[in-house]
């Protein structure tokens, strides 16, 4: 049976992994931006806009689906 401490641990690790992926995407976007401009012949501004929107959506999903349940479970187990 799954208890609150197991769920807290699960959502904590999900949050850590997703936040690390967000930082990885940020670094990747900084490093490989010029490569995509040369490869697809798209303007740099368009790539910045699309990439920023994608990272922001991933960030919002992480906050909604990983960090918020983790914080709620931590508050539930705070006094126990």
PDB file of N, CA and C in Angstrom:
ATOM      1  N   UNK A   1       0.841  -1.187   0.000  1.00  0.00           N
ATOM      2  CA  UNK A   1       0.000   0.000   0.000  1.00  0.00           C
ATOM      3  C   UNK A   1       0.884   1.248   0.000  1.00  0.00           C
ATOM      4  N   UNK A   2       0.454   2.242  -0.721  1.00  0.00           N
ATOM      5  CA  UNK A   2       1.216   3.484  -0.836  1.00  0.00           C
ATOM      6  C   UNK A   2       0.778   4.431   0.276  1.00  0.00           C
ATOM      7  N   UNK A   3       1.756   4.928   1.032  1.00  0.00           N
ATOM      8  CA  UNK A   3       1.432   5.883   2.081  1.00  0.00           C
ATOM      9  C   UNK A   3       1.934   7.274   1.693  1.00  0.00           C
ATOM     10  N   UNK A   4       1.676   8.242   2.556  1.00  0.00           N
ATOM     11  CA  UNK A   4       1.988   9.633   2.236  1.00  0.00           C
ATOM     12  C   UNK A   4       3.487   9.853   2.098  1.00  0.00           C
ATOM     13  N   UNK A   5       4.299   9.172   2.882  1.00  0.00           N
ATOM     14  CA  UNK A   5       5.743   9.377   2.777  1.00  0.00           C
ATOM     15  C   UNK A   5       6.292   8.864   1.445  1.00  0.00           C
ATOM     16  N   UNK A   6       5.745   7.756   0.951  1.00  0.00           N
ATOM     17  CA  UNK A   6       6.172   7.262  -0.357  1.00  0.00           C
ATOM     18  C   UNK A   6       5.783   8.237  -1.467  1.00  0.00           C
ATOM     19  N   UNK A   7       4.572   8.773  -1.396  1.00  0.00           N
ATOM     20  CA  UNK A   7       4.139   9.745  -2.395  1.00  0.00           C
ATOM     21  C   UNK A   7       4.980  11.016  -2.337  1.00  0.00           C
ATOM     22  N   UNK A   8       5.307  11.450  -1.117  1.00  0.00           N
ATOM     23  CA  UNK A   8       6.144  12.634  -0.961  1.00  0.00           C
ATOM     24  C   UNK A   8       7.513  12.409  -1.585  1.00  0.00           C
ATOM     25  N   UNK A   9       8.088  11.250  -1.334  1.00  0.00           N
ATOM     26  CA  UNK A   9       9.387  10.924  -1.932  1.00  0.00           C
ATOM     27  C   UNK A   9       9.289  10.863  -3.449  1.00  0.00           C
ATOM     28  N   UNK A  10       8.247  10.236  -3.966  1.00  0.00           N
ATOM     29  CA  UNK A  10       8.055  10.127  -5.410  1.00  0.00           C
ATOM     30  C   UNK A  10       7.957  11.503  -6.057  1.00  0.00           C
ATOM     31  N   UNK A  11       7.081  12.353  -5.538  1.00  0.00           N
ATOM     32  CA  UNK A  11       6.912  13.677  -6.135  1.00  0.00           C
ATOM     33  C   UNK A  11       8.140  14.554  -5.926  1.00  0.00           C
ATOM     34  N   UNK A  12       8.877  14.335  -4.845  1.00  0.00           N
ATOM     35  CA  UNK A  12      10.119  15.072  -4.642  1.00  0.00           C
ATOM     36  C   UNK A  12      11.142  14.741  -5.709  1.00  0.00           C
ATOM     37  N   UNK A  13      11.328  13.456  -5.992  1.00  0.00           N
ATOM     38  CA  UNK A  13      12.276  13.065  -7.033  1.00  0.00           C
ATOM     39  C   UNK A  13      11.796  13.465  -8.423  1.00  0.00           C
ATOM     40  N   UNK A  14      10.483  13.394  -8.663  1.00  0.00           N
ATOM     41  CA  UNK A  14       9.946  13.875  -9.947  1.00  0.00           C
ATOM     42  C   UNK A  14      10.264  15.356 -10.127  1.00  0.00           C
ATOM     43  N   UNK A  15      10.119  16.131  -9.066  1.00  0.00           N
ATOM     44  CA  UNK A  15      10.417  17.560  -9.141  1.00  0.00           C
ATOM     45  C   UNK A  15      11.890  17.803  -9.423  1.00  0.00           C
ATOM     46  N   UNK A  16      12.763  17.083  -8.734  1.00  0.00           N
ATOM     47  CA  UNK A  16      14.200  17.255  -8.931  1.00  0.00           C
ATOM     48  C   UNK A  16      14.591  16.913 -10.371  1.00  0.00           C
ATOM     49  N   UNK A  17      14.087  15.804 -10.878  1.00  0.00           N
ATOM     50  CA  UNK A  17      14.424  15.375 -12.241  1.00  0.00           C
ATOM     51  C   UNK A  17      13.894  16.376 -13.265  1.00  0.00           C
ATOM     52  N   UNK A  18      12.663  16.831 -13.099  1.00  0.00           N
ATOM     53  CA  UNK A  18      12.089  17.774 -14.059  1.00  0.00           C
ATOM     54  C   UNK A  18      12.785  19.130 -14.021  1.00  0.00           C
ATOM     55  N   UNK A  19      13.162  19.604 -12.842  1.00  0.00           N
ATOM     56  CA  UNK A  19      13.879  20.871 -12.747  1.00  0.00           C
ATOM     57  C   UNK A  19      15.262  20.742 -13.380  1.00  0.00           C
ATOM     58  N   UNK A  20      15.913  19.601 -13.206  1.00  0.00           N
ATOM     59  CA  UNK A  20      17.202  19.372 -13.865  1.00  0.00           C
ATOM     60  C   UNK A  20      17.032  19.359 -15.390  1.00  0.00           C
ATOM     61  N   UNK A  21      15.954  18.774 -15.873  1.00  0.00           N
ATOM     62  CA  UNK A  21      15.693  18.783 -17.317  1.00  0.00           C
ATOM     63  C   UNK A  21      15.437  20.199 -17.837  1.00  0.00           C
ATOM     64  N   UNK A  22      14.769  21.018 -17.053  1.00  0.00           N
ATOM     65  CA  UNK A  22      14.528  22.404 -17.462  1.00  0.00           C
ATOM     66  C   UNK A  22      15.860  23.146 -17.584  1.00  0.00           C
ATOM     67  N   UNK A  23      16.755  22.963 -16.608  1.00  0.00           N
ATOM     68  CA  UNK A  23      18.066  23.598 -16.702  1.00  0.00           C
ATOM     69  C   UNK A  23      18.853  23.060 -17.891  1.00  0.00           C
ATOM     70  N   UNK A  24      18.739  21.764 -18.152  1.00  0.00           N
ATOM     71  CA  UNK A  24      19.401  21.177 -19.311  1.00  0.00           C
ATOM     72  C   UNK A  24      18.876  21.752 -20.614  1.00  0.00           C
ATOM     73  N   UNK A  25      17.568  21.940 -20.700  1.00  0.00           N
ATOM     74  CA  UNK A  25      16.981  22.546 -21.896  1.00  0.00           C
ATOM     75  C   UNK A  25      17.447  23.988 -22.067  1.00  0.00           C
ATOM     76  N   UNK A  26      17.576  24.698 -20.972  1.00  0.00           N
ATOM     77  CA  UNK A  26      18.051  26.070 -21.039  1.00  0.00           C
ATOM     78  C   UNK A  26      19.491  26.117 -21.569  1.00  0.00           C
ATOM     79  N   UNK A  27      20.337  25.259 -21.036  1.00  0.00           N
ATOM     80  CA  UNK A  27      21.731  25.208 -21.484  1.00  0.00           C
ATOM     81  C   UNK A  27      21.784  24.783 -22.957  1.00  0.00           C
ATOM     82  N   UNK A  28      21.005  23.787 -23.317  1.00  0.00           N
ATOM     83  CA  UNK A  28      20.977  23.313 -24.707  1.00  0.00           C
ATOM     84  C   UNK A  28      20.532  24.425 -25.651  1.00  0.00           C
ATOM     85  N   UNK A  29      19.552  25.185 -25.249  1.00  0.00           N
ATOM     86  CA  UNK A  29      19.083  26.287 -26.071  1.00  0.00           C
ATOM     87  C   UNK A  29      20.138  27.350 -26.275  1.00  0.00           C
ATOM     88  N   UNK A  30      20.942  27.594 -25.264  1.00  0.00           N
ATOM     89  CA  UNK A  30      22.007  28.583 -25.382  1.00  0.00           C
ATOM     90  C   UNK A  30      23.134  28.095 -26.289  1.00  0.00           C
ATOM     91  N   UNK A  31      23.456  26.829 -26.202  1.00  0.00           N
ATOM     92  CA  UNK A  31      24.595  26.291 -26.938  1.00  0.00           C
ATOM     93  C   UNK A  31      24.246  26.013 -28.398  1.00  0.00           C
ATOM     94  N   UNK A  32      23.092  25.398 -28.657  1.00  0.00           N
ATOM     95  CA  UNK A  32      22.772  24.925 -29.996  1.00  0.00           C
ATOM     96  C   UNK A  32      21.894  25.870 -30.805  1.00  0.00           C
ATOM     97  N   UNK A  33      21.732  27.088 -30.362  1.00  0.00           N
ATOM     98  CA  UNK A  33      20.858  28.013 -31.072  1.00  0.00           C
ATOM     99  C   UNK A  33      21.366  28.285 -32.496  1.00  0.00           C
ATOM    100  N   UNK A  34      22.649  28.531 -32.643  1.00  0.00           N
ATOM    101  CA  UNK A  34      23.195  28.838 -33.970  1.00  0.00           C
ATOM    102  C   UNK A  34      23.138  27.634 -34.899  1.00  0.00           C
ATOM    103  N   UNK A  35      23.260  26.437 -34.351  1.00  0.00           N
ATOM    104  CA  UNK A  35      23.174  25.233 -35.166  1.00  0.00           C
ATOM    105  C   UNK A  35      21.800  25.126 -35.824  1.00  0.00           C
ATOM    106  N   UNK A  36      20.730  25.404 -35.078  1.00  0.00           N
ATOM    107  CA  UNK A  36      19.378  25.306 -35.618  1.00  0.00           C
ATOM    108  C   UNK A  36      19.128  26.384 -36.678  1.00  0.00           C
ATOM    109  N   UNK A  37      19.713  27.544 -36.498  1.00  0.00           N
ATOM    110  CA  UNK A  37      19.557  28.612 -37.489  1.00  0.00           C
ATOM    111  C   UNK A  37      20.163  28.172 -38.813  1.00  0.00           C
ATOM    112  N   UNK A  38      21.341  27.560 -38.768  1.00  0.00           N
ATOM    113  CA  UNK A  38      22.002  27.114 -39.997  1.00  0.00           C
ATOM    114  C   UNK A  38      21.293  25.911 -40.612  1.00  0.00           C
ATOM    115  N   UNK A  39      20.802  25.021 -39.788  1.00  0.00           N
ATOM    116  CA  UNK A  39      20.211  23.781 -40.281  1.00  0.00           C
ATOM    117  C   UNK A  39      18.856  24.002 -40.944  1.00  0.00           C
ATOM    118  N   UNK A  40      17.988  24.754 -40.310  1.00  0.00           N
ATOM    119  CA  UNK A  40      16.617  24.912 -40.801  1.00  0.00           C
ATOM    120  C   UNK A  40      16.372  26.222 -41.543  1.00  0.00           C
ATOM    121  N   UNK A  41      17.356  27.086 -41.614  1.00  0.00           N
ATOM    122  CA  UNK A  41      17.238  28.372 -42.280  1.00  0.00           C
ATOM    123  C   UNK A  41      16.041  29.170 -41.757  1.00  0.00           C
ATOM    124  N   UNK A  42      15.970  29.279 -40.460  1.00  0.00           N
ATOM    125  CA  UNK A  42      14.924  30.032 -39.783  1.00  0.00           C
ATOM    126  C   UNK A  42      15.620  31.172 -39.049  1.00  0.00           C
ATOM    127  N   UNK A  43      14.916  32.273 -38.865  1.00  0.00           N
ATOM    128  CA  UNK A  43      15.533  33.403 -38.179  1.00  0.00           C
ATOM    129  C   UNK A  43      15.766  33.077 -36.708  1.00  0.00           C
ATOM    130  N   UNK A  44      16.757  33.704 -36.156  1.00  0.00           N
ATOM    131  CA  UNK A  44      17.121  33.467 -34.762  1.00  0.00           C
ATOM    132  C   UNK A  44      16.011  33.892 -33.813  1.00  0.00           C
ATOM    133  N   UNK A  45      15.292  34.950 -34.157  1.00  0.00           N
ATOM    134  CA  UNK A  45      14.202  35.422 -33.305  1.00  0.00           C
ATOM    135  C   UNK A  45      13.058  34.419 -33.234  1.00  0.00           C
ATOM    136  N   UNK A  46      12.754  33.770 -34.359  1.00  0.00           N
ATOM    137  CA  UNK A  46      11.692  32.756 -34.359  1.00  0.00           C
ATOM    138  C   UNK A  46      12.080  31.567 -33.494  1.00  0.00           C
ATOM    139  N   UNK A  47      13.326  31.162 -33.587  1.00  0.00           N
ATOM    140  CA  UNK A  47      13.785  30.032 -32.773  1.00  0.00           C
ATOM    141  C   UNK A  47      13.727  30.380 -31.299  1.00  0.00           C
ATOM    142  N   UNK A  48      14.158  31.579 -30.942  1.00  0.00           N
ATOM    143  CA  UNK A  48      14.108  32.008 -29.544  1.00  0.00           C
ATOM    144  C   UNK A  48      12.681  31.964 -29.013  1.00  0.00           C
ATOM    145  N   UNK A  49      11.751  32.476 -29.800  1.00  0.00           N
ATOM    146  CA  UNK A  49      10.356  32.542 -29.366  1.00  0.00           C
ATOM    147  C   UNK A  49       9.749  31.156 -29.178  1.00  0.00           C
ATOM    148  N   UNK A  50       9.949  30.286 -30.143  1.00  0.00           N
ATOM    149  CA  UNK A  50       9.381  28.935 -30.066  1.00  0.00           C
ATOM    150  C   UNK A  50      10.015  28.155 -28.924  1.00  0.00           C
ATOM    151  N   UNK A  51      11.327  28.257 -28.795  1.00  0.00           N
ATOM    152  CA  UNK A  51      12.028  27.515 -27.742  1.00  0.00           C
ATOM    153  C   UNK A  51      11.623  28.024 -26.360  1.00  0.00           C
ATOM    154  N   UNK A  52      11.497  29.337 -26.210  1.00  0.00           N
ATOM    155  CA  UNK A  52      11.083  29.908 -24.938  1.00  0.00           C
ATOM    156  C   UNK A  52       9.676  29.456 -24.564  1.00  0.00           C
ATOM    157  N   UNK A  53       8.770  29.432 -25.531  1.00  0.00           N
ATOM    158  CA  UNK A  53       7.406  28.970 -25.258  1.00  0.00           C
ATOM    159  C   UNK A  53       7.393  27.507 -24.818  1.00  0.00           C
ATOM    160  N   UNK A  54       8.193  26.674 -25.475  1.00  0.00           N
ATOM    161  CA  UNK A  54       8.236  25.253 -25.128  1.00  0.00           C
ATOM    162  C   UNK A  54       8.796  25.049 -23.723  1.00  0.00           C
ATOM    163  N   UNK A  55       9.861  25.758 -23.395  1.00  0.00           N
ATOM    164  CA  UNK A  55      10.456  25.615 -22.057  1.00  0.00           C
ATOM    165  C   UNK A  55       9.498  26.148 -20.991  1.00  0.00           C
ATOM    166  N   UNK A  56       8.803  27.226 -21.291  1.00  0.00           N
ATOM    167  CA  UNK A  56       7.853  27.767 -20.325  1.00  0.00           C
ATOM    168  C   UNK A  56       6.673  26.819 -20.098  1.00  0.00           C
ATOM    169  N   UNK A  57       6.200  26.168 -21.154  1.00  0.00           N
ATOM    170  CA  UNK A  57       5.129  25.187 -20.987  1.00  0.00           C
ATOM    171  C   UNK A  57       5.599  23.994 -20.158  1.00  0.00           C
ATOM    172  N   UNK A  58       6.818  23.551 -20.401  1.00  0.00           N
ATOM    173  CA  UNK A  58       7.362  22.434 -19.620  1.00  0.00           C
ATOM    174  C   UNK A  58       7.525  22.848 -18.159  1.00  0.00           C
ATOM    175  N   UNK A  59       7.983  24.087 -17.937  1.00  0.00           N
ATOM    176  CA  UNK A  59       8.125  24.597 -16.572  1.00  0.00           C
ATOM    177  C   UNK A  59       6.774  24.648 -15.864  1.00  0.00           C
ATOM    178  N   UNK A  60       5.756  25.155 -16.553  1.00  0.00           N
ATOM    179  CA  UNK A  60       4.429  25.243 -15.947  1.00  0.00           C
ATOM    180  C   UNK A  60       3.874  23.852 -15.639  1.00  0.00           C
ATOM    181  N   UNK A  61       4.083  22.908 -16.541  1.00  0.00           N
ATOM    182  CA  UNK A  61       3.649  21.538 -16.283  1.00  0.00           C
ATOM    183  C   UNK A  61       4.367  20.928 -15.091  1.00  0.00           C
ATOM    184  N   UNK A  62       5.653  21.206 -14.972  1.00  0.00           N
ATOM    185  CA  UNK A  62       6.415  20.694 -13.835  1.00  0.00           C
ATOM    186  C   UNK A  62       5.899  21.282 -12.530  1.00  0.00           C
ATOM    187  N   UNK A  63       5.658  22.582 -12.533  1.00  0.00           N
ATOM    188  CA  UNK A  63       5.140  23.214 -11.316  1.00  0.00           C
ATOM    189  C   UNK A  63       3.769  22.665 -10.940  1.00  0.00           C
ATOM    190  N   UNK A  64       2.927  22.463 -11.942  1.00  0.00           N
ATOM    191  CA  UNK A  64       1.566  22.007 -11.680  1.00  0.00           C
ATOM    192  C   UNK A  64       1.513  20.537 -11.283  1.00  0.00           C
ATOM    193  N   UNK A  65       2.285  19.689 -11.956  1.00  0.00           N
ATOM    194  CA  UNK A  65       2.136  18.250 -11.788  1.00  0.00           C
ATOM    195  C   UNK A  65       3.172  17.598 -10.875  1.00  0.00           C
ATOM    196  N   UNK A  66       4.256  18.307 -10.518  1.00  0.00           N
ATOM    197  CA  UNK A  66       5.272  17.703  -9.655  1.00  0.00           C
ATOM    198  C   UNK A  66       5.506  18.497  -8.375  1.00  0.00           C
ATOM    199  N   UNK A  67       5.749  19.790  -8.527  1.00  0.00           N
ATOM    200  CA  UNK A  67       6.122  20.597  -7.368  1.00  0.00           C
ATOM    201  C   UNK A  67       4.929  20.854  -6.451  1.00  0.00           C
ATOM    202  N   UNK A  68       3.776  21.177  -7.023  1.00  0.00           N
ATOM    203  CA  UNK A  68       2.598  21.467  -6.205  1.00  0.00           C
ATOM    204  C   UNK A  68       2.145  20.260  -5.373  1.00  0.00           C
ATOM    205  N   UNK A  69       2.047  19.045  -5.946  1.00  0.00           N
ATOM    206  CA  UNK A  69       1.696  17.898  -5.094  1.00  0.00           C
ATOM    207  C   UNK A  69       2.752  17.621  -4.026  1.00  0.00           C
ATOM    208  N   UNK A  70       4.023  17.827  -4.362  1.00  0.00           N
ATOM    209  CA  UNK A  70       5.081  17.621  -3.367  1.00  0.00           C
ATOM    210  C   UNK A  70       4.915  18.587  -2.198  1.00  0.00           C
ATOM    211  N   UNK A  71       4.694  19.859  -2.494  1.00  0.00           N
ATOM    212  CA  UNK A  71       4.522  20.842  -1.418  1.00  0.00           C
ATOM    213  C   UNK A  71       3.265  20.567  -0.593  1.00  0.00           C
ATOM    214  N   UNK A  72       2.186  20.146  -1.257  1.00  0.00           N
ATOM    215  CA  UNK A  72       0.950  19.828  -0.529  1.00  0.00           C
ATOM    216  C   UNK A  72       1.163  18.641   0.406  1.00  0.00           C
ATOM    217  N   UNK A  73       1.874  17.628  -0.058  1.00  0.00           N
ATOM    218  CA  UNK A  73       2.146  16.469   0.788  1.00  0.00           C
ATOM    219  C   UNK A  73       3.088  16.828   1.929  1.00  0.00           C
ATOM    220  N   UNK A  74       4.061  17.717   1.679  1.00  0.00           N
ATOM    221  CA  UNK A  74       4.954  18.152   2.750  1.00  0.00           C
ATOM    222  C   UNK A  74       4.188  18.904   3.830  1.00  0.00           C
ATOM    223  N   UNK A  75       3.216  19.740   3.419  1.00  0.00           N
ATOM    224  CA  UNK A  75       2.410  20.470   4.392  1.00  0.00           C
ATOM    225  C   UNK A  75       1.552  19.479   5.183  1.00  0.00           C
ATOM    226  N   UNK A  76       1.018  18.461   4.535  1.00  0.00           N
ATOM    227  CA  UNK A  76       0.195  17.464   5.224  1.00  0.00           C
ATOM    228  C   UNK A  76       0.994  16.692   6.279  1.00  0.00           C
ATOM    229  N   UNK A  77       2.254  16.437   5.994  1.00  0.00           N
ATOM    230  CA  UNK A  77       3.070  15.639   6.927  1.00  0.00           C
ATOM    231  C   UNK A  77       3.935  16.507   7.832  1.00  0.00           C
ATOM    232  N   UNK A  78       3.758  17.817   7.760  1.00  0.00           N
ATOM    233  CA  UNK A  78       4.591  18.723   8.531  1.00  0.00           C
ATOM    234  C   UNK A  78       4.425  18.524  10.030  1.00  0.00           C
ATOM    235  N   UNK A  79       3.216  18.367  10.524  1.00  0.00           N
ATOM    236  CA  UNK A  79       2.965  18.265  11.964  1.00  0.00           C
ATOM    237  C   UNK A  79       3.045  16.849  12.483  1.00  0.00           C
ATOM    238  N   UNK A  80       3.191  15.843  11.612  1.00  0.00           N
ATOM    239  CA  UNK A  80       3.223  14.475  12.108  1.00  0.00           C
ATOM    240  C   UNK A  80       4.599  14.047  12.507  1.00  0.00           C
TER     241      UNK A  80
END
